[in-house]
């Protein structure tokens, strides 16, 4: 596949979705608004945002096997380039209690075991049953295929996942699946993912109707999940997005990849949440994924600024180039640190500007 064709296919799927609503929002209000409650505070520990380490290798794997619309289970991904995306979320309730849960499972099980055991206390938290539940943002390989690293420690987790799964996704979760893909160069079937510890816990499959037709799933007072049914790259569909209402501050949006588009997520909260006040966001924002620039990305910067959020923490698929331009234009980008350099592997696009919250960083709201 030629580069131009590849980029066009990207624009037709996930990249384009980042620009939906990339206009300065109007003041339209919904007829009925939801009270999701409040929390006292929010802390996000970046366990791993390096889903892959080399953009060029990841892009070549996609291009060599059909492009952005290809089924992700048919690509023999370069295993030494696989990492993962996962965050630990700590909510402080109005009563001062700390409650923890996770978003996403990463990709490479060896990498995720390293993250859980050596670079965080997640393995210990799981063993002590201190993590209440998991939220899967979407079924992409880098957010989901490392699920064995969690399930081998606790098979009966409660999981909130998009209802828009494929048979291969559910087999990996429930059936001790070992998925392989044919390598065109060798003719061999290469390992791409596995799980030998079937999930036995509660599984909540999320759709845009939400619980009781409200459009959201209430996790605890002040915390809700909204499912956006949008087409994504690599034959994946639908993304779960977290909303937190921090008392006296406002709403924080937390995403895995933000495929529906960051302005669409802000606009949804404004239309649907009672007393909405924008405060912050965290996650991969899926804008300049491969560090290329489109003038339309300037409109996203303008739109973000129009919401007047106070903290924007970004990484993963946001694009360093977008984060740097956003920071330079006055968007309150939360800077990361050099902690990522202490990890055994890190991204080839990491820069001294520290505009990403990367591995080992923490942000509070």
Protein backbone atom coordinates (compact mmCIF):
# COMPACT_ATOMS: atom_id res chain seq x y z
CA UNK A 1 0.00 0.00 0.00
CA UNK A 2 1.32 3.43 -0.95
CA UNK A 3 1.75 6.07 1.75
CA UNK A 4 -0.88 8.36 0.21
CA UNK A 5 -3.46 5.56 0.11
CA UNK A 6 -2.62 4.66 3.70
CA UNK A 7 -3.08 8.22 4.91
CA UNK A 8 -6.40 8.50 3.08
CA UNK A 9 -7.64 5.35 4.77
CA UNK A 10 -6.53 6.73 8.12
CA UNK A 11 -8.47 9.93 7.45
CA UNK A 12 -11.54 7.88 6.62
CA UNK A 13 -11.53 6.21 10.03
CA UNK A 14 -9.97 7.16 13.34
CA UNK A 15 -8.07 10.31 12.38
CA UNK A 16 -11.16 11.86 10.87
CA UNK A 17 -13.13 11.16 14.02
CA UNK A 18 -10.72 13.32 15.98
CA UNK A 19 -11.86 16.24 13.89
CA UNK A 20 -15.59 15.68 14.20
CA UNK A 21 -16.88 18.70 16.01
CA UNK A 22 -13.57 20.50 15.43
CA UNK A 23 -15.37 23.80 15.49
CA UNK A 24 -15.94 26.23 18.30
CA UNK A 25 -18.97 24.80 20.13
CA UNK A 26 -22.37 26.43 20.32
CA UNK A 27 -24.45 26.93 23.45
CA UNK A 28 -27.13 24.38 22.59
CA UNK A 29 -28.55 22.63 25.64
CA UNK A 30 -30.25 19.26 26.04
CA UNK A 31 -33.83 19.17 27.31
CA UNK A 32 -32.99 16.92 30.26
CA UNK A 33 -29.64 16.75 32.02
CA UNK A 34 -28.11 14.09 34.23
CA UNK A 35 -26.79 14.54 37.73
CA UNK A 36 -23.82 12.14 37.95
CA UNK A 37 -22.83 13.21 41.46
CA UNK A 38 -19.44 14.50 42.60
CA UNK A 39 -16.04 13.33 43.76
CA UNK A 40 -13.45 15.15 45.83
CA UNK A 41 -10.44 14.41 43.65
CA UNK A 42 -8.92 12.27 40.92
CA UNK A 43 -5.43 10.86 40.39
CA UNK A 44 -4.26 9.10 37.25
CA UNK A 45 -1.07 7.04 37.24
CA UNK A 46 0.31 6.49 33.76
CA UNK A 47 1.29 2.83 33.87
CA UNK A 48 2.14 2.63 30.18
CA UNK A 49 1.17 4.84 27.25
CA UNK A 50 3.77 3.35 24.89
CA UNK A 51 1.51 0.99 23.00
CA UNK A 52 4.31 0.57 20.50
CA UNK A 53 7.83 1.95 20.52
CA UNK A 54 8.54 2.76 16.87
CA UNK A 55 5.89 4.49 14.75
CA UNK A 56 7.51 3.47 11.48
CA UNK A 57 7.49 -0.23 12.38
CA UNK A 58 3.86 -0.09 13.51
CA UNK A 59 2.80 1.78 10.38
CA UNK A 60 4.69 -0.65 8.13
CA UNK A 61 2.92 -3.62 9.71
CA UNK A 62 -0.41 -2.01 8.83
CA UNK A 63 0.59 -0.99 5.31
CA UNK A 64 2.10 -4.39 4.47
CA UNK A 65 -1.13 -6.19 5.35
CA UNK A 66 -3.80 -4.08 3.71
CA UNK A 67 -4.01 -0.72 5.45
CA UNK A 68 -6.08 0.93 8.12
CA UNK A 69 -9.26 -1.05 7.40
CA UNK A 70 -7.56 -4.45 7.85
CA UNK A 71 -8.71 -6.87 10.55
CA UNK A 72 -6.12 -6.49 13.32
CA UNK A 73 -6.16 -10.27 13.91
CA UNK A 74 -4.76 -10.94 10.41
CA UNK A 75 -1.54 -8.93 10.86
CA UNK A 76 1.62 -10.67 12.18
CA UNK A 77 2.70 -7.69 14.29
CA UNK A 78 6.36 -7.24 15.18
CA UNK A 79 6.32 -8.59 18.73
CA UNK A 80 9.41 -6.66 19.88
CA UNK A 81 7.61 -3.41 18.99
CA UNK A 82 4.55 -4.19 21.13
CA UNK A 83 4.01 -2.44 24.48
CA UNK A 84 0.62 -1.36 25.76
CA UNK A 85 -1.71 1.31 27.12
CA UNK A 86 -3.06 1.13 30.69
CA UNK A 87 -3.75 3.54 33.54
CA UNK A 88 -4.49 3.23 37.24
CA UNK A 89 -7.26 5.58 38.39
CA UNK A 90 -7.75 6.63 42.01
CA UNK A 91 -10.94 8.45 42.96
CA UNK A 92 -11.21 10.28 46.26
CA UNK A 93 -14.86 10.34 47.31
CA UNK A 94 -16.54 13.23 49.05
CA UNK A 95 -16.16 11.24 52.27
CA UNK A 96 -12.38 10.97 51.75
CA UNK A 97 -12.29 7.28 50.75
CA UNK A 98 -9.85 6.26 48.00
CA UNK A 99 -11.29 3.89 45.38
CA UNK A 100 -9.17 2.41 42.60
CA UNK A 101 -9.91 0.98 39.18
CA UNK A 102 -8.10 0.43 35.90
CA UNK A 103 -8.56 1.42 32.31
CA UNK A 104 -7.24 -0.99 29.63
CA UNK A 105 -4.93 -4.01 29.65
CA UNK A 106 -2.00 -3.19 27.34
CA UNK A 107 -0.75 -5.41 24.51
CA UNK A 108 2.44 -7.39 25.11
CA UNK A 109 2.12 -9.67 28.14
CA UNK A 110 5.85 -9.57 28.89
CA UNK A 111 5.75 -5.78 28.88
CA UNK A 112 2.61 -5.67 31.03
CA UNK A 113 4.08 -8.09 33.59
CA UNK A 114 7.11 -5.79 33.78
CA UNK A 115 4.82 -2.79 34.29
CA UNK A 116 2.69 -4.54 36.92
CA UNK A 117 5.55 -6.09 38.89
CA UNK A 118 8.59 -3.83 38.50
CA UNK A 119 7.36 -0.34 37.58
CA UNK A 120 4.19 -0.06 39.68
CA UNK A 121 2.35 -1.70 42.57
CA UNK A 122 -0.51 -2.98 40.41
CA UNK A 123 0.37 -6.66 40.94
CA UNK A 124 0.20 -6.10 44.69
CA UNK A 125 -3.04 -4.12 44.43
CA UNK A 126 -4.64 -6.95 42.45
CA UNK A 127 -3.51 -9.56 44.98
CA UNK A 128 -4.97 -7.48 47.80
CA UNK A 129 -8.23 -7.07 45.87
CA UNK A 130 -7.86 -3.28 46.02
CA UNK A 131 -8.81 -2.65 42.38
CA UNK A 132 -12.60 -2.64 42.12
CA UNK A 133 -13.10 -3.08 38.37
CA UNK A 134 -11.64 -2.56 34.91
CA UNK A 135 -12.91 -0.42 32.04
CA UNK A 136 -11.89 -1.41 28.52
CA UNK A 137 -11.89 1.69 26.35
CA UNK A 138 -11.99 -0.27 23.07
CA UNK A 139 -10.95 -3.57 21.53
CA UNK A 140 -7.74 -2.40 19.85
CA UNK A 141 -4.75 -4.70 20.28
CA UNK A 142 -2.66 -2.21 22.26
CA UNK A 143 -5.45 -1.65 24.80
CA UNK A 144 -6.76 -5.21 25.04
CA UNK A 145 -4.47 -8.03 23.91
CA UNK A 146 -2.44 -7.96 27.15
CA UNK A 147 -5.51 -9.06 29.11
CA UNK A 148 -3.79 -12.27 30.27
CA UNK A 149 -1.42 -10.27 32.50
CA UNK A 150 -4.46 -9.18 34.49
CA UNK A 151 -6.58 -12.32 34.34
CA UNK A 152 -3.77 -14.64 35.45
CA UNK A 153 -3.77 -12.63 38.68
CA UNK A 154 -7.55 -12.31 39.01
CA UNK A 155 -9.96 -14.06 36.67
CA UNK A 156 -13.17 -12.79 38.24
CA UNK A 157 -12.65 -9.08 37.66
CA UNK A 158 -15.67 -6.92 36.88
CA UNK A 159 -15.23 -5.55 33.38
CA UNK A 160 -17.02 -2.78 31.47
CA UNK A 161 -16.36 -3.22 27.74
CA UNK A 162 -17.90 -1.97 24.48
CA UNK A 163 -20.72 -4.16 23.21
CA UNK A 164 -19.26 -3.87 19.69
CA UNK A 165 -16.90 -6.86 19.93
CA UNK A 166 -15.96 -9.46 17.31
CA UNK A 167 -15.73 -13.24 17.86
CA UNK A 168 -11.93 -13.09 18.13
CA UNK A 169 -12.22 -10.48 20.90
CA UNK A 170 -14.59 -12.55 22.99
CA UNK A 171 -12.59 -15.74 22.40
CA UNK A 172 -9.49 -14.04 23.81
CA UNK A 173 -11.48 -13.05 26.89
CA UNK A 174 -13.42 -16.25 27.49
CA UNK A 175 -12.00 -19.26 25.60
CA UNK A 176 -8.23 -19.69 26.21
CA UNK A 177 -7.62 -18.43 22.70
CA UNK A 178 -4.20 -18.45 21.02
CA UNK A 179 -4.47 -16.18 17.98
CA UNK A 180 -1.99 -16.36 15.11
CA UNK A 181 -1.59 -14.53 11.79
CA UNK A 182 0.15 -15.64 8.61
CA UNK A 183 3.48 -14.01 7.87
CA UNK A 184 3.71 -13.36 4.12
CA UNK A 185 7.51 -13.35 4.19
CA UNK A 186 8.01 -16.69 5.96
CA UNK A 187 4.71 -18.40 5.23
CA UNK A 188 4.52 -19.26 8.92
CA UNK A 189 1.70 -18.58 11.38
CA UNK A 190 3.05 -16.07 13.91
CA UNK A 191 1.81 -15.69 17.47
CA UNK A 192 -0.01 -12.39 17.95
CA UNK A 193 -1.86 -12.78 21.28
CA UNK A 194 -3.13 -15.33 23.78
CA UNK A 195 -4.96 -15.75 27.08
CA UNK A 196 -4.89 -18.96 29.13
CA UNK A 197 -6.99 -17.55 31.99
CA UNK A 198 -10.63 -17.16 30.90
CA UNK A 199 -12.56 -14.30 32.41
CA UNK A 200 -15.10 -15.50 34.99
CA UNK A 201 -16.31 -12.22 36.46
CA UNK A 202 -19.13 -9.84 35.71
CA UNK A 203 -19.06 -8.48 32.15
CA UNK A 204 -21.01 -5.33 31.39
CA UNK A 205 -21.27 -4.72 27.65
CA UNK A 206 -21.75 -1.00 27.11
CA UNK A 207 -23.72 0.66 24.34
CA UNK A 208 -24.84 4.25 23.70
CA UNK A 209 -28.23 3.67 25.34
CA UNK A 210 -26.52 3.21 28.70
CA UNK A 211 -28.20 1.96 31.86
CA UNK A 212 -31.93 2.56 32.04
CA UNK A 213 -31.77 4.52 28.80
CA UNK A 214 -29.73 7.31 30.41
CA UNK A 215 -26.87 7.10 27.91
CA UNK A 216 -24.31 6.43 30.64
CA UNK A 217 -23.22 3.74 33.10
CA UNK A 218 -22.80 4.98 36.66
CA UNK A 219 -19.64 3.52 38.22
CA UNK A 220 -19.86 5.36 41.54
CA UNK A 221 -21.07 8.83 42.59
CA UNK A 222 -19.33 11.36 40.38
CA UNK A 223 -18.02 8.79 37.86
CA UNK A 224 -19.73 7.65 34.65
CA UNK A 225 -18.90 5.75 31.46
CA UNK A 226 -20.33 6.76 28.11
CA UNK A 227 -20.07 4.48 25.07
CA UNK A 228 -19.65 6.14 21.68
CA UNK A 229 -20.41 3.84 18.75
CA UNK A 230 -17.96 5.10 16.15
CA UNK A 231 -15.91 3.27 13.48
CA UNK A 232 -12.22 2.97 14.31
CA UNK A 233 -9.07 1.72 12.61
CA UNK A 234 -8.32 -1.98 12.08
CA UNK A 235 -11.95 -3.18 12.03
CA UNK A 236 -12.66 -2.02 15.57
CA UNK A 237 -15.80 -0.19 16.57
CA UNK A 238 -16.97 1.75 19.62
CA UNK A 239 -15.13 3.40 22.53
CA UNK A 240 -15.92 3.78 26.23
CA UNK A 241 -15.08 7.20 27.69
CA UNK A 242 -14.92 8.10 31.39
CA UNK A 243 -16.33 11.27 32.93
CA UNK A 244 -15.52 12.50 36.45
CA UNK A 245 -17.26 15.42 38.16
CA UNK A 246 -14.80 16.97 40.62
CA UNK A 247 -16.51 19.09 43.28
CA UNK A 248 -15.96 22.86 42.89
CA UNK A 249 -13.80 22.27 39.80
CA UNK A 250 -15.74 20.60 37.02
CA UNK A 251 -15.78 17.62 34.66
CA UNK A 252 -12.67 15.66 33.67
CA UNK A 253 -12.78 13.49 30.55
CA UNK A 254 -10.55 10.40 30.45
CA UNK A 255 -10.01 8.41 27.26
CA UNK A 256 -8.00 5.57 25.84
CA UNK A 257 -7.73 6.91 22.29
CA UNK A 258 -10.46 9.53 21.93
CA UNK A 259 -11.66 8.12 18.60
CA UNK A 260 -14.98 10.02 18.80
CA UNK A 261 -12.98 13.30 18.82
CA UNK A 262 -12.05 15.40 21.83
CA UNK A 263 -14.45 18.23 21.04
CA UNK A 264 -17.29 15.74 20.61
CA UNK A 265 -16.55 14.37 24.08
CA UNK A 266 -16.55 17.83 25.66
CA UNK A 267 -19.74 18.72 23.79
CA UNK A 268 -21.50 15.56 24.94
CA UNK A 269 -20.78 16.42 28.58
CA UNK A 270 -22.00 19.98 28.13
CA UNK A 271 -25.25 18.86 26.52
CA UNK A 272 -26.01 16.07 28.96
CA UNK A 273 -24.54 16.76 32.42
CA UNK A 274 -26.27 18.95 34.95
CA UNK A 275 -24.21 21.99 35.96
CA UNK A 276 -21.48 21.13 33.46
CA UNK A 277 -18.26 23.03 33.88
CA UNK A 278 -15.20 21.93 31.89
CA UNK A 279 -12.13 21.25 34.00
CA UNK A 280 -9.72 18.82 32.37
CA UNK A 281 -8.95 15.78 30.28
CA UNK A 282 -6.44 12.97 30.09
CA UNK A 283 -5.55 10.32 27.53
CA UNK A 284 -4.58 9.59 24.00
CA UNK A 285 -6.31 12.17 21.81
CA UNK A 286 -5.77 10.51 18.41
CA UNK A 287 -4.88 13.60 16.43
CA UNK A 288 -1.43 13.58 14.78
CA UNK A 289 -0.87 9.87 15.39
CA UNK A 290 2.15 9.54 13.10
CA UNK A 291 3.54 13.03 13.73
CA UNK A 292 2.25 14.55 10.50
CA UNK A 293 0.44 17.88 10.45
CA UNK A 294 -2.87 18.85 8.90
CA UNK A 295 -4.06 22.48 9.11
CA UNK A 296 -7.37 21.16 10.46
CA UNK A 297 -5.54 20.28 13.66
CA UNK A 298 -5.29 24.01 14.35
CA UNK A 299 -9.09 24.01 14.56
CA UNK A 300 -8.93 21.35 17.28
CA UNK A 301 -6.58 23.60 19.25
CA UNK A 302 -9.00 26.50 18.87
CA UNK A 303 -11.91 24.30 19.92
CA UNK A 304 -10.11 23.00 23.01
CA UNK A 305 -9.21 26.56 24.02
CA UNK A 306 -12.84 27.63 23.63
CA UNK A 307 -13.87 25.19 26.39
CA UNK A 308 -11.36 26.85 28.75
CA UNK A 309 -10.28 23.66 30.45
CA UNK A 310 -7.64 24.07 33.15
CA UNK A 311 -5.60 20.90 32.64
CA UNK A 312 -4.95 18.84 29.52
CA UNK A 313 -2.86 15.70 29.99
CA UNK A 314 -2.12 13.84 26.78
CA UNK A 315 0.06 11.06 25.35
CA UNK A 316 -0.08 7.87 23.26
CA UNK A 317 -1.83 8.65 19.95
CA UNK A 318 -2.10 12.42 20.45
CA UNK A 319 1.08 13.24 18.56
CA UNK A 320 3.95 15.16 20.13
CA UNK A 321 3.69 17.71 17.33
CA UNK A 322 0.06 18.52 18.23
CA UNK A 323 0.79 18.67 21.97
CA UNK A 324 3.72 21.03 21.39
CA UNK A 325 1.69 23.32 19.15
CA UNK A 326 -1.23 23.26 21.59
CA UNK A 327 1.03 24.17 24.52
CA UNK A 328 2.65 26.97 22.51
CA UNK A 329 -0.79 28.39 21.70
CA UNK A 330 -1.83 28.56 25.35
CA UNK A 331 -3.60 25.24 25.95
CA UNK A 332 -2.79 24.26 29.59
CA UNK A 333 -0.87 21.08 28.70
CA UNK A 334 0.37 19.26 31.80
CA UNK A 335 4.06 18.53 31.36
CA UNK A 336 5.52 15.11 32.00
CA UNK A 337 8.90 14.15 33.43
CA UNK A 338 11.90 12.09 32.37
CA UNK A 339 10.79 9.06 34.40
CA UNK A 340 10.15 7.17 31.17
CA UNK A 341 13.90 7.02 30.61
CA UNK A 342 14.21 4.63 33.55
CA UNK A 343 12.07 2.03 31.72
CA UNK A 344 13.78 -0.74 29.77
CA UNK A 345 12.28 0.59 26.55
CA UNK A 346 10.73 3.86 25.44
CA UNK A 347 9.26 5.55 22.41
CA UNK A 348 11.45 6.71 19.55
CA UNK A 349 9.43 9.94 19.26
CA UNK A 350 9.78 11.03 22.90
CA UNK A 351 11.10 14.58 23.13
CA UNK A 352 12.73 16.83 25.69
CA UNK A 353 9.70 19.13 25.55
CA UNK A 354 7.90 16.70 27.95
CA UNK A 355 4.48 17.62 26.58
CA UNK A 356 3.39 14.01 27.06
CA UNK A 357 2.52 12.44 30.37
CA UNK A 358 4.45 9.29 29.73
CA UNK A 359 5.36 6.09 31.56
CA UNK A 360 5.65 6.66 35.31
CA UNK A 361 4.02 10.09 35.34
CA UNK A 362 1.02 11.10 37.46
CA UNK A 363 -1.62 13.80 37.05
CA UNK A 364 -4.16 14.95 39.61
CA UNK A 365 -7.44 16.79 39.13
